[in-house]
C-alpha atoms as a PDB file:
ATOM      1  CA  MET A   1      15.540  11.576  65.935  1.00  0.00           C
ATOM      2  CA  GLU A   2      19.138  11.724  68.001  1.00  0.00           C
ATOM      3  CA  CYS A   3      18.016  10.801  71.829  1.00  0.00           C
ATOM      4  CA  ASP A   4      20.247  11.639  74.967  1.00  0.00           C
ATOM      5  CA  ARG A   5      19.965  10.494  77.915  1.00  0.00           C
ATOM      6  CA  ASN A   6      18.258  13.346  79.063  1.00  0.00           C
ATOM      7  CA  TYR A   7      15.508  13.064  76.605  1.00  0.00           C
ATOM      8  CA  LEU A   8      14.909   9.088  77.143  1.00  0.00           C
ATOM      9  CA  LYS A   9      15.117   9.765  81.154  1.00  0.00           C
ATOM     10  CA  ASP A  10      11.074  10.342  81.525  1.00  0.00           C
ATOM     11  CA  VAL A  11      10.030   7.500  78.953  1.00  0.00           C
ATOM     12  CA  TRP A  12       8.177   4.519  79.980  1.00  0.00           C
ATOM     13  CA  LEU A  13      10.638   1.336  79.867  1.00  0.00           C
ATOM     14  CA  ASP A  14      13.695   3.429  79.957  1.00  0.00           C
ATOM     15  CA  GLU A  15      16.086   0.894  82.116  1.00  0.00           C
ATOM     16  CA  HIS A  16      18.173  -0.358  79.315  1.00  0.00           C
ATOM     17  CA  LEU A  17      17.729   2.400  76.479  1.00  0.00           C
ATOM     18  CA  THR A  18      20.977   4.029  75.309  1.00  0.00           C
ATOM     19  CA  ASP A  19      21.707   7.016  73.907  1.00  0.00           C
ATOM     20  CA  GLY A  20      21.464   7.292  69.844  1.00  0.00           C
ATOM     21  CA  LEU A  21      19.339   7.646  66.872  1.00  0.00           C
ATOM     22  CA  TYR A  22      15.450   6.315  67.317  1.00  0.00           C
ATOM     23  CA  VAL A  23      12.706   6.169  64.807  1.00  0.00           C
ATOM     24  CA  PHE A  24       9.401   7.365  66.520  1.00  0.00           C
ATOM     25  CA  LEU A  25       5.484   7.238  65.596  1.00  0.00           C
ATOM     26  CA  GLU A  26       3.707  10.390  67.376  1.00  0.00           C
ATOM     27  CA  ILE A  27      -0.283   9.810  68.238  1.00  0.00           C
ATOM     28  CA  ALA A  28      -1.478  13.060  69.395  1.00  0.00           C
ATOM     29  CA  ASP A  29      -5.857  13.876  70.026  1.00  0.00           C
ATOM     30  CA  THR A  30      -7.125  16.995  71.365  1.00  0.00           C
ATOM     31  CA  GLY A  31      -9.413  14.498  73.759  1.00  0.00           C
ATOM     32  CA  CYS A  32     -10.038  15.556  77.284  1.00  0.00           C
ATOM     33  CA  GLY A  33      -6.533  14.516  78.685  1.00  0.00           C
ATOM     34  CA  MET A  34      -5.040  12.807  81.202  1.00  0.00           C
ATOM     35  CA  ASP A  35      -4.253  13.953  85.156  1.00  0.00           C
ATOM     36  CA  LYS A  36      -0.955  12.311  86.773  1.00  0.00           C
ATOM     37  CA  ASP A  37      -2.615   9.499  88.461  1.00  0.00           C
ATOM     38  CA  THR A  38      -4.366   8.419  85.407  1.00  0.00           C
ATOM     39  CA  MET A  39      -1.268   8.492  83.523  1.00  0.00           C
ATOM     40  CA  ALA A  40       0.430   6.751  86.097  1.00  0.00           C
ATOM     41  CA  LYS A  41      -2.152   3.658  85.265  1.00  0.00           C
ATOM     42  CA  ILE A  42      -2.640   3.490  81.436  1.00  0.00           C
ATOM     43  CA  PHE A  43      -0.209   0.897  80.786  1.00  0.00           C
ATOM     44  CA  ASP A  44      -1.464  -1.390  83.498  1.00  0.00           C
ATOM     45  CA  PRO A  45      -3.243  -4.609  82.168  1.00  0.00           C
ATOM     46  CA  PHE A  46      -7.371  -4.078  82.518  1.00  0.00           C
ATOM     47  CA  PHE A  47      -6.895  -0.387  83.533  1.00  0.00           C
ATOM     48  CA  THR A  48      -9.647   1.656  81.612  1.00  0.00           C
ATOM     49  CA  THR A  49     -11.346   4.958  81.675  1.00  0.00           C
ATOM     50  CA  LYS A  50     -13.963   4.125  79.524  1.00  0.00           C
ATOM     51  CA  PHE A  51     -17.572   2.485  81.036  1.00  0.00           C
ATOM     52  CA  THR A  52     -17.161  -0.709  78.381  1.00  0.00           C
ATOM     53  CA  GLY A  53     -14.087  -2.362  77.237  1.00  0.00           C
ATOM     54  CA  ARG A  54     -11.210  -4.215  78.875  1.00  0.00           C
ATOM     55  CA  GLY A  55      -8.655  -2.062  78.908  1.00  0.00           C
ATOM     56  CA  LEU A  56      -5.528  -4.489  77.457  1.00  0.00           C
ATOM     57  CA  GLY A  57      -5.096  -2.000  74.191  1.00  0.00           C
ATOM     58  CA  MET A  58      -2.311  -0.031  76.072  1.00  0.00           C
ATOM     59  CA  ALA A  59      -0.419  -2.779  77.783  1.00  0.00           C
ATOM     60  CA  ALA A  60      -0.594  -4.906  74.665  1.00  0.00           C
ATOM     61  CA  VAL A  61       1.530  -1.310  73.194  1.00  0.00           C
ATOM     62  CA  LEU A  62       3.556  -1.864  75.577  1.00  0.00           C
ATOM     63  CA  GLY A  63       4.447  -5.411  75.247  1.00  0.00           C
ATOM     64  CA  ILE A  64       5.249  -4.545  71.732  1.00  0.00           C
ATOM     65  CA  VAL A  65       7.388  -1.826  72.306  1.00  0.00           C
ATOM     66  CA  ARG A  66       9.681  -3.866  74.613  1.00  0.00           C
ATOM     67  CA  GLY A  67       9.646  -6.232  72.494  1.00  0.00           C
ATOM     68  CA  HIS A  68      11.482  -4.239  69.980  1.00  0.00           C
ATOM     69  CA  LYS A  69      13.852  -2.498  72.418  1.00  0.00           C
ATOM     70  CA  GLY A  70      11.674   0.556  72.450  1.00  0.00           C
ATOM     71  CA  ALA A  71      10.022   3.186  74.486  1.00  0.00           C
ATOM     72  CA  ILE A  72       7.056   5.135  75.184  1.00  0.00           C
ATOM     73  CA  LYS A  73       6.885   9.284  75.566  1.00  0.00           C
ATOM     74  CA  VAL A  74       3.620  10.615  77.221  1.00  0.00           C
ATOM     75  CA  TYR A  75       2.537  13.884  77.149  1.00  0.00           C
ATOM     76  CA  SER A  76      -1.006  14.747  78.604  1.00  0.00           C
ATOM     77  CA  GLU A  77      -2.918  17.347  80.394  1.00  0.00           C
ATOM     78  CA  PRO A  78      -6.555  17.594  81.557  1.00  0.00           C
ATOM     79  CA  GLY A  79      -8.710  19.217  79.044  1.00  0.00           C
ATOM     80  CA  LYS A  80      -5.544  19.467  76.230  1.00  0.00           C
ATOM     81  CA  GLY A  81      -5.751  16.293  74.580  1.00  0.00           C
ATOM     82  CA  SER A  82      -2.655  13.798  74.941  1.00  0.00           C
ATOM     83  CA  SER A  83       0.549  12.685  72.993  1.00  0.00           C
ATOM     84  CA  PHE A  84       2.343   9.497  72.579  1.00  0.00           C
ATOM     85  CA  LYS A  85       5.456   9.025  71.417  1.00  0.00           C
ATOM     86  CA  ILE A  86       6.718   5.435  70.082  1.00  0.00           C
ATOM     87  CA  LEU A  87      10.625   5.330  70.282  1.00  0.00           C
ATOM     88  CA  LEU A  88      12.601   2.440  68.491  1.00  0.00           C
ATOM     89  CA  PRO A  89      16.140   2.076  67.914  1.00  0.00           C
ATOM     90  CA  ALA A  90      17.521   2.669  64.261  1.00  0.00           C
ATOM     91  CA  GLY A  91      19.050  -0.093  62.510  1.00  0.00           C
ATOM     92  CA  SER A  92      22.305   0.715  61.724  1.00  0.00           C
ATOM     93  CA  LYS A  93      22.190  -1.004  58.579  1.00  0.00           C
ATOM     94  CA  PRO A  94      22.319   1.302  55.321  1.00  0.00           C
ATOM     95  CA  GLU A  95      18.849   1.986  54.003  1.00  0.00           C
ATOM     96  CA  GLU A  96      18.347  -0.303  50.758  1.00  0.00           C
ATOM     97  CA  ILE A  97      17.648   1.592  47.558  1.00  0.00           C
ATOM     98  CA  SER A  98      14.663   0.142  45.577  1.00  0.00           C
ATOM     99  CA  THR A  99      13.307   0.363  42.078  1.00  0.00           C
ATOM    100  CA  PRO A 100       9.909   1.886  41.945  1.00  0.00           C
ATOM    101  CA  VAL A 101       7.209  -0.307  40.273  1.00  0.00           C
ATOM    102  CA  PRO A 102       5.843   1.384  37.034  1.00  0.00           C
ATOM    103  CA  ASP A 103       2.502   3.001  37.367  1.00  0.00           C
ATOM    104  CA  ASN A 104       1.156   1.005  34.349  1.00  0.00           C
ATOM    105  CA  VAL A 105       2.114  -2.160  36.687  1.00  0.00           C
ATOM    106  CA  SER A 106      -1.227  -3.478  38.783  1.00  0.00           C
ATOM    107  CA  TRP A 107      -0.673  -5.618  41.551  1.00  0.00           C
ATOM    108  CA  LYS A 108      -3.429  -7.420  43.244  1.00  0.00           C
ATOM    109  CA  GLY A 109      -2.779  -9.210  46.510  1.00  0.00           C
ATOM    110  CA  THR A 110      -4.614 -12.299  48.046  1.00  0.00           C
ATOM    111  CA  GLY A 111      -4.930 -13.006  52.123  1.00  0.00           C
ATOM    112  CA  THR A 112      -6.387 -13.053  55.256  1.00  0.00           C
ATOM    113  CA  ALA A 113      -6.693 -10.181  57.924  1.00  0.00           C
ATOM    114  CA  LEU A 114      -7.664 -11.065  61.427  1.00  0.00           C
ATOM    115  CA  LEU A 115      -9.741  -8.127  63.048  1.00  0.00           C
ATOM    116  CA  VAL A 116     -10.542  -8.906  66.884  1.00  0.00           C
ATOM    117  CA  ASP A 117     -12.752  -6.360  68.441  1.00  0.00           C
ATOM    118  CA  ASP A 118     -14.693  -6.354  71.231  1.00  0.00           C
ATOM    119  CA  GLU A 119     -17.144  -3.554  69.578  1.00  0.00           C
ATOM    120  CA  GLU A 120     -19.785  -5.518  67.273  1.00  0.00           C
ATOM    121  CA  THR A 121     -20.062  -2.120  64.809  1.00  0.00           C
ATOM    122  CA  ILE A 122     -16.305  -2.331  64.229  1.00  0.00           C
ATOM    123  CA  ARG A 123     -16.298  -6.147  63.422  1.00  0.00           C
ATOM    124  CA  ALA A 124     -19.340  -5.381  60.936  1.00  0.00           C
ATOM    125  CA  LEU A 125     -17.707  -2.869  59.194  1.00  0.00           C
ATOM    126  CA  ALA A 126     -14.864  -4.603  58.925  1.00  0.00           C
ATOM    127  CA  ALA A 127     -16.719  -7.866  57.376  1.00  0.00           C
ATOM    128  CA  LYS A 128     -18.067  -5.266  54.112  1.00  0.00           C
ATOM    129  CA  CYS A 129     -14.786  -4.387  53.497  1.00  0.00           C
END
């Protein structure tokens, strides 16, 4: 999407953003939403609204986005859910054309996936996969 200065003025980490083309990923929910006081703290390390948890998730997301010179636009209203739009600057390199892999060619990868979570049920589910 093409972002101008007006659109970029109310995002997290707007200090060095320039007008231009951005790739975006939008995540939305229909949960309880947040008031302005909560939204002001969501990227603080160790802030959480949950009874259990560590509150590192959104701070980590912000660090990753910052590392890629991007920004996050947040919209939320109590009772109406939340929407997060992650904006990353689009590269200037043209898209490479790839040759599609025929359907009859099977491929199987190998490797190790590391899952870190503080919930036992999530770790147990991942261990079964």
